[in-house]
């Protein structure tokens, strides 16, 4: 957050008792990332590995996919396509070039 000429500093000049805690989305993301890291160090269980296993568990069975779709309908949720796990190296490429749509098998320029 800006320290010299931001909205926060201007408000605090008017009222010193005002408290700003930052973006809630970033706070939740950072907290969950730290918790996942500690969890994996403590238990030796990688959440990312479980997600890969879940993908393949649903991927190999049309019946399981249909059951998942039924369950999401029952819960009044929208069924979404299960996305395949993307390797860390591919993620780095995607973040460097924002004009590229990244898929596990291919990179498609927009």
Protein backbone atom coordinates (compact mmCIF):
# COMPACT_ATOMS: atom_id res chain seq x y z
CA UNK A 1 0.00 0.00 0.00
CA UNK A 2 1.15 3.50 -0.73
CA UNK A 3 3.02 5.16 2.11
CA UNK A 4 3.19 8.77 0.92
CA UNK A 5 0.27 9.83 -1.27
CA UNK A 6 -2.39 7.12 -1.22
CA UNK A 7 -6.02 7.11 -0.23
CA UNK A 8 -5.08 5.30 2.96
CA UNK A 9 -2.52 7.90 4.05
CA UNK A 10 -4.95 10.72 3.29
CA UNK A 11 -7.70 9.11 5.38
CA UNK A 12 -5.27 8.42 8.23
CA UNK A 13 -4.15 12.07 8.19
CA UNK A 14 -7.76 13.01 8.90
CA UNK A 15 -8.42 10.21 11.42
CA UNK A 16 -5.49 8.35 13.02
CA UNK A 17 -7.74 5.66 14.53
CA UNK A 18 -8.68 4.32 11.07
CA UNK A 19 -7.35 0.83 10.32
CA UNK A 20 -6.87 -0.71 6.86
CA UNK A 21 -6.20 -4.41 6.53
CA UNK A 22 -5.54 -4.84 2.81
CA UNK A 23 -7.27 -6.88 0.13
CA UNK A 24 -9.33 -9.74 1.61
CA UNK A 25 -8.71 -11.93 -1.44
CA UNK A 26 -4.93 -11.63 -1.08
CA UNK A 27 -5.14 -12.26 2.65
CA UNK A 28 -7.17 -15.46 2.13
CA UNK A 29 -4.84 -16.62 -0.67
CA UNK A 30 -1.68 -16.02 1.36
CA UNK A 31 -3.20 -17.69 4.43
CA UNK A 32 -4.30 -20.78 2.51
CA UNK A 33 -0.92 -21.05 0.76
CA UNK A 34 0.90 -20.89 4.11
CA UNK A 35 -1.50 -23.41 5.65
CA UNK A 36 -1.04 -25.84 2.72
CA UNK A 37 2.73 -25.53 3.04
CA UNK A 38 2.71 -26.24 6.77
CA UNK A 39 0.19 -29.06 6.28
CA UNK A 40 2.37 -30.78 3.68
CA UNK A 41 5.51 -30.39 5.83
CA UNK A 42 3.76 -31.75 8.92
CA UNK A 43 1.90 -34.69 7.34
CA UNK A 44 4.00 -35.42 4.27
CA UNK A 45 0.76 -35.27 2.25
CA UNK A 46 0.77 -33.06 -0.85
CA UNK A 47 -2.60 -31.51 -1.69
CA UNK A 48 -1.45 -30.98 -5.28
CA UNK A 49 -0.83 -34.72 -5.67
CA UNK A 50 -4.33 -35.43 -4.40
CA UNK A 51 -5.77 -33.04 -6.99
CA UNK A 52 -3.94 -34.88 -9.77
CA UNK A 53 -5.26 -38.20 -8.46
CA UNK A 54 -8.80 -36.80 -8.35
CA UNK A 55 -8.54 -35.62 -11.94
CA UNK A 56 -7.52 -39.07 -13.17
CA UNK A 57 -10.13 -40.77 -10.97
CA UNK A 58 -12.90 -38.81 -12.74
CA UNK A 59 -11.17 -38.76 -16.13
CA UNK A 60 -11.14 -42.54 -16.52
CA UNK A 61 -14.85 -43.02 -15.80
CA UNK A 62 -17.76 -41.46 -17.65
CA UNK A 63 -20.06 -42.89 -14.98
CA UNK A 64 -18.18 -40.98 -12.24
CA UNK A 65 -18.32 -37.78 -14.29
CA UNK A 66 -22.08 -38.20 -14.70
CA UNK A 67 -22.50 -38.82 -10.96
CA UNK A 68 -20.52 -35.65 -10.26
CA UNK A 69 -22.73 -33.70 -12.69
CA UNK A 70 -25.85 -35.06 -10.96
CA UNK A 71 -24.45 -34.09 -7.57
CA UNK A 72 -23.69 -30.54 -8.70
CA UNK A 73 -27.27 -30.25 -10.03
CA UNK A 74 -28.58 -31.53 -6.70
CA UNK A 75 -26.54 -28.85 -4.90
CA UNK A 76 -27.78 -26.14 -7.30
CA UNK A 77 -24.25 -25.61 -8.58
CA UNK A 78 -22.97 -25.31 -12.12
CA UNK A 79 -21.06 -28.34 -13.40
CA UNK A 80 -17.67 -27.30 -14.72
CA UNK A 81 -15.20 -29.16 -16.85
CA UNK A 82 -12.46 -30.76 -14.77
CA UNK A 83 -9.16 -29.19 -15.83
CA UNK A 84 -6.07 -31.32 -16.14
CA UNK A 85 -3.14 -30.58 -13.86
CA UNK A 86 -0.64 -28.19 -15.45
CA UNK A 87 3.08 -28.58 -14.80
CA UNK A 88 4.88 -25.76 -13.01
CA UNK A 89 7.11 -25.13 -16.03
CA UNK A 90 4.07 -24.57 -18.23
CA UNK A 91 2.61 -22.15 -15.70
CA UNK A 92 5.80 -20.09 -15.84
CA UNK A 93 5.54 -19.86 -19.64
CA UNK A 94 1.90 -18.80 -19.40
CA UNK A 95 2.62 -16.04 -16.90
CA UNK A 96 5.42 -14.62 -19.06
CA UNK A 97 3.21 -14.33 -22.15
CA UNK A 98 -0.30 -13.07 -21.28
CA UNK A 99 -1.43 -13.40 -24.93
CA UNK A 100 -1.22 -17.19 -24.72
CA UNK A 101 -3.94 -19.59 -23.62
CA UNK A 102 -2.30 -22.46 -21.78
CA UNK A 103 -3.41 -26.05 -21.99
CA UNK A 104 -1.49 -29.07 -20.72
CA UNK A 105 -0.72 -30.40 -24.17
CA UNK A 106 -0.38 -27.20 -26.25
CA UNK A 107 0.15 -23.46 -26.13
CA UNK A 108 -2.26 -21.52 -28.32
CA UNK A 109 -1.55 -17.87 -29.21
CA UNK A 110 -4.62 -15.65 -29.11
